[in-house]
Amino acid sequence: MKSQPAHTILVIDVGGTHIKVLVSGHDKPFKITSGPALTPEQMVDKVKDAIQDCKYERVSIGYPGVVIGGRPVHDPFNLGPGWVGFDFRKSFGCPIKMINDAAMQALGSYSQGRMLFLGLGTGLGSAMIVDGMLEPMELAHLPYKHGKTYEDYLGRRGLEKMGKKKWRRHVLKIANQLKSALEANYVVLGGGNAKKLGKLKRLPADLRLGDNNNAFIGGLRLWNTSIAGSVDT
């Protein structure tokens, strides 16, 4: 799949602690502080201030929540209010495509076959791509054990509560369980905390470490007709 579209794309990856921004044709992304009070108006202002004179013709947004029909269903758990119904197209002055943030990183991580993506960050993001068809998923709040969810164990709270060693064991266990259940060929472990798996001596061949920068590749791929047609935007 090609990653570089014809138009100049502004890619925005919205997270609970940071917003990461890249304009196609530029090598270095911008990193902006977000936080629990961030509104969409503030996000737009911060992004515009960061990119300053950079020109763009399209915008891709990775949103930390459920997105249906290119629109958020509810406000993010880790950000401020006002995201549902906000007119991003009007605010940026150009066409917009929005998908779940884990789905955007999954899109940028995909190579072939049946891939399950797990985003290890503030929460737990998930998506699956089967033969180029992207399906955002909401596995985070499904029950795992002891009355807790997958996110309770693999999200930031679980990492802080259990410590890295125990958290890593649960990451590998859950990744393998979900791979088998969903009949994936391989699992990509991405998100901001995936780097904390780096001390493992060796991952199995069917578990792969992702890269946060793949979110930017995914944002560019959204505008490629070869795969964008499979994305609900």
C-alpha atoms as a PDB file:
ATOM      1  CA  MET A   1       0.000   0.000   0.000  1.00  0.00           C
ATOM      2  CA  LYS A   2       1.205   3.482  -0.804  1.00  0.00           C
ATOM      3  CA  SER A   3       1.572   5.833   2.156  1.00  0.00           C
ATOM      4  CA  GLN A   4       1.964   9.192   0.393  1.00  0.00           C
ATOM      5  CA  PRO A   5      -1.249  10.776  -0.912  1.00  0.00           C
ATOM      6  CA  ALA A   6      -1.485  13.434  -3.640  1.00  0.00           C
ATOM      7  CA  HIS A   7      -2.728  16.147  -1.272  1.00  0.00           C
ATOM      8  CA  THR A   8      -0.865  17.761   1.605  1.00  0.00           C
ATOM      9  CA  ILE A   9      -2.253  16.103   4.743  1.00  0.00           C
ATOM     10  CA  LEU A  10      -2.287  17.323   8.322  1.00  0.00           C
ATOM     11  CA  VAL A  11      -2.357  14.265  10.595  1.00  0.00           C
ATOM     12  CA  ILE A  12      -3.438  14.737  14.220  1.00  0.00           C
ATOM     13  CA  ASP A  13      -3.104  11.936  16.771  1.00  0.00           C
ATOM     14  CA  VAL A  14      -5.090  12.969  19.853  1.00  0.00           C
ATOM     15  CA  GLY A  15      -4.032  11.351  23.126  1.00  0.00           C
ATOM     16  CA  GLY A  16      -4.819  11.720  26.811  1.00  0.00           C
ATOM     17  CA  THR A  17      -1.477  13.366  27.626  1.00  0.00           C
ATOM     18  CA  HIS A  18      -0.219  14.602  24.248  1.00  0.00           C
ATOM     19  CA  ILE A  19      -1.364  15.543  20.762  1.00  0.00           C
ATOM     20  CA  LYS A  20       1.067  14.520  18.028  1.00  0.00           C
ATOM     21  CA  VAL A  21       0.930  16.382  14.729  1.00  0.00           C
ATOM     22  CA  LEU A  22       2.619  15.907  11.365  1.00  0.00           C
ATOM     23  CA  VAL A  23       2.164  17.625   8.004  1.00  0.00           C
ATOM     24  CA  SER A  24       2.981  15.429   4.998  1.00  0.00           C
ATOM     25  CA  GLY A  25       6.265  16.420   3.417  1.00  0.00           C
ATOM     26  CA  HIS A  26       7.778  17.238   6.830  1.00  0.00           C
ATOM     27  CA  ASP A  27       9.985  14.784   8.702  1.00  0.00           C
ATOM     28  CA  LYS A  28       9.544  15.892  12.299  1.00  0.00           C
ATOM     29  CA  PRO A  29       6.205  15.712  14.157  1.00  0.00           C
ATOM     30  CA  PHE A  30       5.090  18.267  16.709  1.00  0.00           C
ATOM     31  CA  LYS A  31       4.187  17.165  20.234  1.00  0.00           C
ATOM     32  CA  ILE A  32       1.624  19.217  22.161  1.00  0.00           C
ATOM     33  CA  THR A  33       0.427  18.795  25.732  1.00  0.00           C
ATOM     34  CA  SER A  34      -3.250  17.828  26.027  1.00  0.00           C
ATOM     35  CA  GLY A  35      -4.696  16.846  29.434  1.00  0.00           C
ATOM     36  CA  PRO A  36      -8.075  16.158  31.088  1.00  0.00           C
ATOM     37  CA  ALA A  37      -9.525  19.638  30.441  1.00  0.00           C
ATOM     38  CA  LEU A  38      -8.696  19.858  26.712  1.00  0.00           C
ATOM     39  CA  THR A  39     -11.657  20.872  24.524  1.00  0.00           C
ATOM     40  CA  PRO A  40     -11.801  20.497  20.735  1.00  0.00           C
ATOM     41  CA  GLU A  41     -11.556  24.281  20.324  1.00  0.00           C
ATOM     42  CA  GLN A  42      -8.355  24.279  22.366  1.00  0.00           C
ATOM     43  CA  MET A  43      -7.006  21.336  20.372  1.00  0.00           C
ATOM     44  CA  VAL A  44      -7.572  23.163  17.083  1.00  0.00           C
ATOM     45  CA  ASP A  45      -5.912  26.333  18.416  1.00  0.00           C
ATOM     46  CA  LYS A  46      -2.919  24.414  19.771  1.00  0.00           C
ATOM     47  CA  VAL A  47      -2.442  22.537  16.489  1.00  0.00           C
ATOM     48  CA  LYS A  48      -2.643  25.702  14.402  1.00  0.00           C
ATOM     49  CA  ASP A  49      -0.142  27.440  16.675  1.00  0.00           C
ATOM     50  CA  ALA A  50       2.244  24.485  16.429  1.00  0.00           C
ATOM     51  CA  ILE A  51       2.246  24.146  12.654  1.00  0.00           C
ATOM     52  CA  GLN A  52       2.207  27.933  12.098  1.00  0.00           C
ATOM     53  CA  ASP A  53       2.805  28.566   8.390  1.00  0.00           C
ATOM     54  CA  CYS A  54       2.544  24.948   7.221  1.00  0.00           C
ATOM     55  CA  LYS A  55      -0.056  24.569   4.479  1.00  0.00           C
ATOM     56  CA  TYR A  56      -2.440  21.613   4.298  1.00  0.00           C
ATOM     57  CA  GLU A  57      -5.399  20.560   2.131  1.00  0.00           C
ATOM     58  CA  ARG A  58      -6.808  17.637   4.111  1.00  0.00           C
ATOM     59  CA  VAL A  59      -6.891  16.659   7.809  1.00  0.00           C
ATOM     60  CA  SER A  60      -6.825  13.181   9.382  1.00  0.00           C
ATOM     61  CA  ILE A  61      -7.698  12.924  13.073  1.00  0.00           C
ATOM     62  CA  GLY A  62      -7.098   9.921  15.317  1.00  0.00           C
ATOM     63  CA  TYR A  63      -9.666  10.264  18.114  1.00  0.00           C
ATOM     64  CA  PRO A  64      -9.417   8.538  21.530  1.00  0.00           C
ATOM     65  CA  GLY A  65     -12.931   7.123  21.521  1.00  0.00           C
ATOM     66  CA  VAL A  66     -15.599   5.469  19.418  1.00  0.00           C
ATOM     67  CA  VAL A  67     -16.055   7.015  15.963  1.00  0.00           C
ATOM     68  CA  ILE A  68     -18.997   6.090  13.729  1.00  0.00           C
ATOM     69  CA  GLY A  69     -19.547   7.639  10.314  1.00  0.00           C
ATOM     70  CA  GLY A  70     -16.515   9.874  10.818  1.00  0.00           C
ATOM     71  CA  ARG A  71     -17.939  11.440  13.992  1.00  0.00           C
ATOM     72  CA  PRO A  72     -17.221  10.816  17.687  1.00  0.00           C
ATOM     73  CA  VAL A  73     -19.972   9.039  19.593  1.00  0.00           C
ATOM     74  CA  HIS A  74     -19.004  10.366  23.026  1.00  0.00           C
ATOM     75  CA  ASP A  75     -16.484  12.732  24.583  1.00  0.00           C
ATOM     76  CA  PRO A  76     -13.097  11.160  25.417  1.00  0.00           C
ATOM     77  CA  PHE A  77     -12.701   9.748  28.922  1.00  0.00           C
ATOM     78  CA  ASN A  78      -9.336  11.478  29.369  1.00  0.00           C
ATOM     79  CA  LEU A  79     -10.068  14.897  27.818  1.00  0.00           C
ATOM     80  CA  GLY A  80     -12.496  17.788  28.227  1.00  0.00           C
ATOM     81  CA  PRO A  81     -16.078  18.153  26.912  1.00  0.00           C
ATOM     82  CA  GLY A  82     -17.541  19.340  23.617  1.00  0.00           C
ATOM     83  CA  TRP A  83     -16.127  16.857  21.115  1.00  0.00           C
ATOM     84  CA  VAL A  84     -19.442  15.343  20.025  1.00  0.00           C
ATOM     85  CA  GLY A  85     -20.991  17.537  17.346  1.00  0.00           C
ATOM     86  CA  PHE A  86     -17.953  19.807  17.002  1.00  0.00           C
ATOM     87  CA  ASP A  87     -17.464  21.042  13.408  1.00  0.00           C
ATOM     88  CA  PHE A  88     -13.849  20.094  12.693  1.00  0.00           C
ATOM     89  CA  ARG A  89     -14.231  20.733   8.957  1.00  0.00           C
ATOM     90  CA  LYS A  90     -15.270  24.329   9.584  1.00  0.00           C
ATOM     91  CA  SER A  91     -12.520  24.863  12.176  1.00  0.00           C
ATOM     92  CA  PHE A  92      -9.744  23.632   9.886  1.00  0.00           C
ATOM     93  CA  GLY A  93     -11.321  24.940   6.677  1.00  0.00           C
ATOM     94  CA  CYS A  94     -10.855  21.766   4.635  1.00  0.00           C
ATOM     95  CA  PRO A  95     -12.096  18.154   4.300  1.00  0.00           C
ATOM     96  CA  ILE A  96     -11.673  15.998   7.421  1.00  0.00           C
ATOM     97  CA  LYS A  97     -11.450  12.277   8.046  1.00  0.00           C
ATOM     98  CA  MET A  98     -11.694  11.046  11.632  1.00  0.00           C
ATOM     99  CA  ILE A  99     -11.272   7.504  12.967  1.00  0.00           C
ATOM    100  CA  ASN A 100     -10.441   5.966  16.315  1.00  0.00           C
ATOM    101  CA  ASP A 101      -6.805   6.632  17.255  1.00  0.00           C
ATOM    102  CA  ALA A 102      -5.951   2.947  17.660  1.00  0.00           C
ATOM    103  CA  ALA A 103      -7.512   2.254  14.256  1.00  0.00           C
ATOM    104  CA  MET A 104      -5.355   4.964  12.687  1.00  0.00           C
ATOM    105  CA  GLN A 105      -2.179   3.500  14.156  1.00  0.00           C
ATOM    106  CA  ALA A 106      -3.343   0.033  13.113  1.00  0.00           C
ATOM    107  CA  LEU A 107      -3.834   1.265   9.551  1.00  0.00           C
ATOM    108  CA  GLY A 108      -0.247   2.521   9.539  1.00  0.00           C
ATOM    109  CA  SER A 109       1.086  -0.720  11.053  1.00  0.00           C
ATOM    110  CA  TYR A 110      -0.587  -3.089   8.623  1.00  0.00           C
ATOM    111  CA  SER A 111       1.317  -5.143   6.077  1.00  0.00           C
ATOM    112  CA  GLN A 112      -0.852  -8.105   5.049  1.00  0.00           C
ATOM    113  CA  GLY A 113      -3.221 -10.880   6.141  1.00  0.00           C
ATOM    114  CA  ARG A 114      -5.207 -10.787   9.382  1.00  0.00           C
ATOM    115  CA  MET A 115      -3.693  -8.322  11.865  1.00  0.00           C
ATOM    116  CA  LEU A 116      -4.898  -7.537  15.392  1.00  0.00           C
ATOM    117  CA  PHE A 117      -3.663  -4.222  16.801  1.00  0.00           C
ATOM    118  CA  LEU A 118      -3.519  -3.495  20.540  1.00  0.00           C
ATOM    119  CA  GLY A 119      -2.689   0.063  21.592  1.00  0.00           C
ATOM    120  CA  LEU A 120      -1.038   0.181  25.018  1.00  0.00           C
ATOM    121  CA  GLY A 121      -1.481   3.700  26.329  1.00  0.00           C
ATOM    122  CA  THR A 122      -3.575   5.587  28.861  1.00  0.00           C
ATOM    123  CA  GLY A 123      -6.273   3.043  28.051  1.00  0.00           C
ATOM    124  CA  LEU A 124      -6.330   0.101  25.658  1.00  0.00           C
ATOM    125  CA  GLY A 125      -7.083   0.665  21.985  1.00  0.00           C
ATOM    126  CA  SER A 126      -7.852  -2.109  19.537  1.00  0.00           C
ATOM    127  CA  ALA A 127      -8.542  -2.673  15.863  1.00  0.00           C
ATOM    128  CA  MET A 128      -8.344  -5.466  13.332  1.00  0.00           C
ATOM    129  CA  ILE A 129      -7.491  -5.444   9.634  1.00  0.00           C
ATOM    130  CA  VAL A 130      -8.384  -8.432   7.486  1.00  0.00           C
ATOM    131  CA  ASP A 131      -7.049  -8.414   3.926  1.00  0.00           C
ATOM    132  CA  GLY A 132      -7.010  -4.611   3.889  1.00  0.00           C
ATOM    133  CA  MET A 133     -10.424  -4.142   5.502  1.00  0.00           C
ATOM    134  CA  LEU A 134     -10.196  -2.099   8.702  1.00  0.00           C
ATOM    135  CA  GLU A 135     -12.551  -2.767  11.618  1.00  0.00           C
ATOM    136  CA  PRO A 136     -12.157  -0.556  14.725  1.00  0.00           C
ATOM    137  CA  MET A 137     -12.881  -2.561  17.884  1.00  0.00           C
ATOM    138  CA  GLU A 138     -13.759  -1.893  21.522  1.00  0.00           C
ATOM    139  CA  LEU A 139     -12.108  -4.732  23.430  1.00  0.00           C
ATOM    140  CA  ALA A 140     -10.902  -2.559  26.316  1.00  0.00           C
ATOM    141  CA  HIS A 141     -13.963  -2.873  28.533  1.00  0.00           C
ATOM    142  CA  LEU A 142     -14.631  -6.571  28.053  1.00  0.00           C
ATOM    143  CA  PRO A 143     -14.178  -8.633  31.257  1.00  0.00           C
ATOM    144  CA  TYR A 144     -10.797 -10.277  31.744  1.00  0.00           C
ATOM    145  CA  LYS A 145     -10.415 -11.614  35.299  1.00  0.00           C
ATOM    146  CA  HIS A 146     -11.284 -10.847  38.937  1.00  0.00           C
ATOM    147  CA  GLY A 147     -14.075  -8.518  37.805  1.00  0.00           C
ATOM    148  CA  LYS A 148     -11.588  -6.357  35.909  1.00  0.00           C
ATOM    149  CA  THR A 149     -11.410  -5.533  32.215  1.00  0.00           C
ATOM    150  CA  TYR A 150      -8.622  -5.869  29.668  1.00  0.00           C
ATOM    151  CA  GLU A 151      -8.005  -2.127  30.033  1.00  0.00           C
ATOM    152  CA  ASP A 152      -7.770  -2.391  33.819  1.00  0.00           C
ATOM    153  CA  TYR A 153      -4.811  -4.718  33.327  1.00  0.00           C
ATOM    154  CA  LEU A 154      -3.120  -3.347  30.202  1.00  0.00           C
ATOM    155  CA  GLY A 155      -3.859   0.380  30.501  1.00  0.00           C
ATOM    156  CA  ARG A 156      -1.800   2.876  32.459  1.00  0.00           C
ATOM    157  CA  ARG A 157      -3.569   2.115  35.742  1.00  0.00           C
ATOM    158  CA  GLY A 158      -2.677  -1.560  35.446  1.00  0.00           C
ATOM    159  CA  LEU A 159       0.943  -0.776  34.622  1.00  0.00           C
ATOM    160  CA  GLU A 160       1.268   1.536  37.618  1.00  0.00           C
ATOM    161  CA  LYS A 161      -0.474  -0.890  39.970  1.00  0.00           C
ATOM    162  CA  MET A 162       1.298  -4.103  38.935  1.00  0.00           C
ATOM    163  CA  GLY A 163       4.692  -2.827  37.836  1.00  0.00           C
ATOM    164  CA  LYS A 164       6.397  -3.512  34.517  1.00  0.00           C
ATOM    165  CA  LYS A 165       7.281  -7.182  35.029  1.00  0.00           C
ATOM    166  CA  LYS A 166       3.778  -8.384  35.889  1.00  0.00           C
ATOM    167  CA  TRP A 167       2.203  -6.018  33.359  1.00  0.00           C
ATOM    168  CA  ARG A 168       4.356  -7.474  30.566  1.00  0.00           C
ATOM    169  CA  ARG A 169       3.223 -10.995  31.446  1.00  0.00           C
ATOM    170  CA  HIS A 170      -0.417  -9.957  31.120  1.00  0.00           C
ATOM    171  CA  VAL A 171       0.279  -8.150  27.823  1.00  0.00           C
ATOM    172  CA  LEU A 172       1.701 -11.338  26.310  1.00  0.00           C
ATOM    173  CA  LYS A 173      -1.021 -13.535  27.786  1.00  0.00           C
ATOM    174  CA  ILE A 174      -3.872 -11.324  26.583  1.00  0.00           C
ATOM    175  CA  ALA A 175      -2.307 -10.781  23.159  1.00  0.00           C
ATOM    176  CA  ASN A 176      -2.094 -14.523  22.635  1.00  0.00           C
ATOM    177  CA  GLN A 177      -5.638 -15.124  23.908  1.00  0.00           C
ATOM    178  CA  LEU A 178      -7.128 -12.498  21.607  1.00  0.00           C
ATOM    179  CA  LYS A 179      -5.024 -13.658  18.657  1.00  0.00           C
ATOM    180  CA  SER A 180      -6.447 -17.158  19.017  1.00  0.00           C
ATOM    181  CA  ALA A 181     -10.020 -15.980  19.596  1.00  0.00           C
ATOM    182  CA  LEU A 182     -10.007 -13.660  16.577  1.00  0.00           C
ATOM    183  CA  GLU A 183      -7.935 -15.980  14.370  1.00  0.00           C
ATOM    184  CA  ALA A 184      -5.375 -13.265  13.635  1.00  0.00           C
ATOM    185  CA  ASN A 185      -2.145 -14.130  11.816  1.00  0.00           C
ATOM    186  CA  TYR A 186      -0.194 -11.707  14.001  1.00  0.00           C
ATOM    187  CA  VAL A 187      -0.614  -9.045  16.693  1.00  0.00           C
ATOM    188  CA  VAL A 188       0.989  -5.595  16.618  1.00  0.00           C
ATOM    189  CA  LEU A 189       1.548  -4.083  20.072  1.00  0.00           C
ATOM    190  CA  GLY A 190       1.559  -0.310  19.688  1.00  0.00           C
ATOM    191  CA  GLY A 191       0.697   2.762  21.725  1.00  0.00           C
ATOM    192  CA  GLY A 192       2.844   4.873  23.996  1.00  0.00           C
ATOM    193  CA  ASN A 193       3.628   2.086  26.469  1.00  0.00           C
ATOM    194  CA  ALA A 194       4.690  -0.493  23.868  1.00  0.00           C
ATOM    195  CA  LYS A 195       8.269   0.704  24.388  1.00  0.00           C
ATOM    196  CA  LYS A 196       8.078  -0.698  27.898  1.00  0.00           C
ATOM    197  CA  LEU A 197       8.043  -4.158  26.339  1.00  0.00           C
ATOM    198  CA  GLY A 198      11.478  -3.529  24.847  1.00  0.00           C
ATOM    199  CA  LYS A 199      13.332  -5.274  27.660  1.00  0.00           C
ATOM    200  CA  LEU A 200      11.763  -8.606  26.790  1.00  0.00           C
ATOM    201  CA  LYS A 201      14.517 -10.763  25.342  1.00  0.00           C
ATOM    202  CA  ARG A 202      12.478 -11.884  22.366  1.00  0.00           C
ATOM    203  CA  LEU A 203       8.865 -11.642  21.291  1.00  0.00           C
ATOM    204  CA  PRO A 204       7.252 -14.599  19.510  1.00  0.00           C
ATOM    205  CA  ALA A 205       7.227 -14.245  15.715  1.00  0.00           C
ATOM    206  CA  ASP A 206       3.470 -13.596  15.700  1.00  0.00           C
ATOM    207  CA  LEU A 207       3.758 -10.678  18.182  1.00  0.00           C
ATOM    208  CA  ARG A 208       5.365  -7.501  16.875  1.00  0.00           C
ATOM    209  CA  LEU A 209       6.211  -4.165  18.450  1.00  0.00           C
ATOM    210  CA  GLY A 210       4.592  -1.229  16.717  1.00  0.00           C
ATOM    211  CA  ASP A 211       5.758   2.359  16.443  1.00  0.00           C
ATOM    212  CA  ASN A 212       3.760   5.421  17.478  1.00  0.00           C
ATOM    213  CA  ASN A 213       4.809   7.131  14.265  1.00  0.00           C
ATOM    214  CA  ASN A 214       2.746   4.555  12.379  1.00  0.00           C
ATOM    215  CA  ALA A 215      -0.250   6.689  13.337  1.00  0.00           C
ATOM    216  CA  PHE A 216       1.013   9.271  10.842  1.00  0.00           C
ATOM    217  CA  ILE A 217       1.295   6.634   8.121  1.00  0.00           C
ATOM    218  CA  GLY A 218      -2.262   5.597   8.946  1.00  0.00           C
ATOM    219  CA  GLY A 219      -3.449   9.196   8.694  1.00  0.00           C
ATOM    220  CA  LEU A 220      -1.956   9.468   5.218  1.00  0.00           C
ATOM    221  CA  ARG A 221      -3.393   6.127   4.146  1.00  0.00           C
ATOM    222  CA  LEU A 222      -6.881   7.349   5.029  1.00  0.00           C
ATOM    223  CA  TRP A 223      -6.798   9.455   1.876  1.00  0.00           C
ATOM    224  CA  ASN A 224      -5.577   6.670  -0.407  1.00  0.00           C
ATOM    225  CA  THR A 225      -8.505   5.174  -2.295  1.00  0.00           C
ATOM    226  CA  SER A 226      -6.850   1.751  -2.305  1.00  0.00           C
ATOM    227  CA  ILE A 227      -7.665   1.338   1.395  1.00  0.00           C
ATOM    228  CA  ALA A 228      -9.757   4.383   2.365  1.00  0.00           C
ATOM    229  CA  GLY A 229     -12.769   2.763   0.773  1.00  0.00           C
ATOM    230  CA  SER A 230     -12.687   0.144   3.522  1.00  0.00           C
ATOM    231  CA  VAL A 231     -12.717   2.748   6.288  1.00  0.00           C
ATOM    232  CA  ASP A 232     -16.001   4.135   7.612  1.00  0.00           C
ATOM    233  CA  THR A 233     -15.427   7.875   7.425  1.00  0.00           C
END
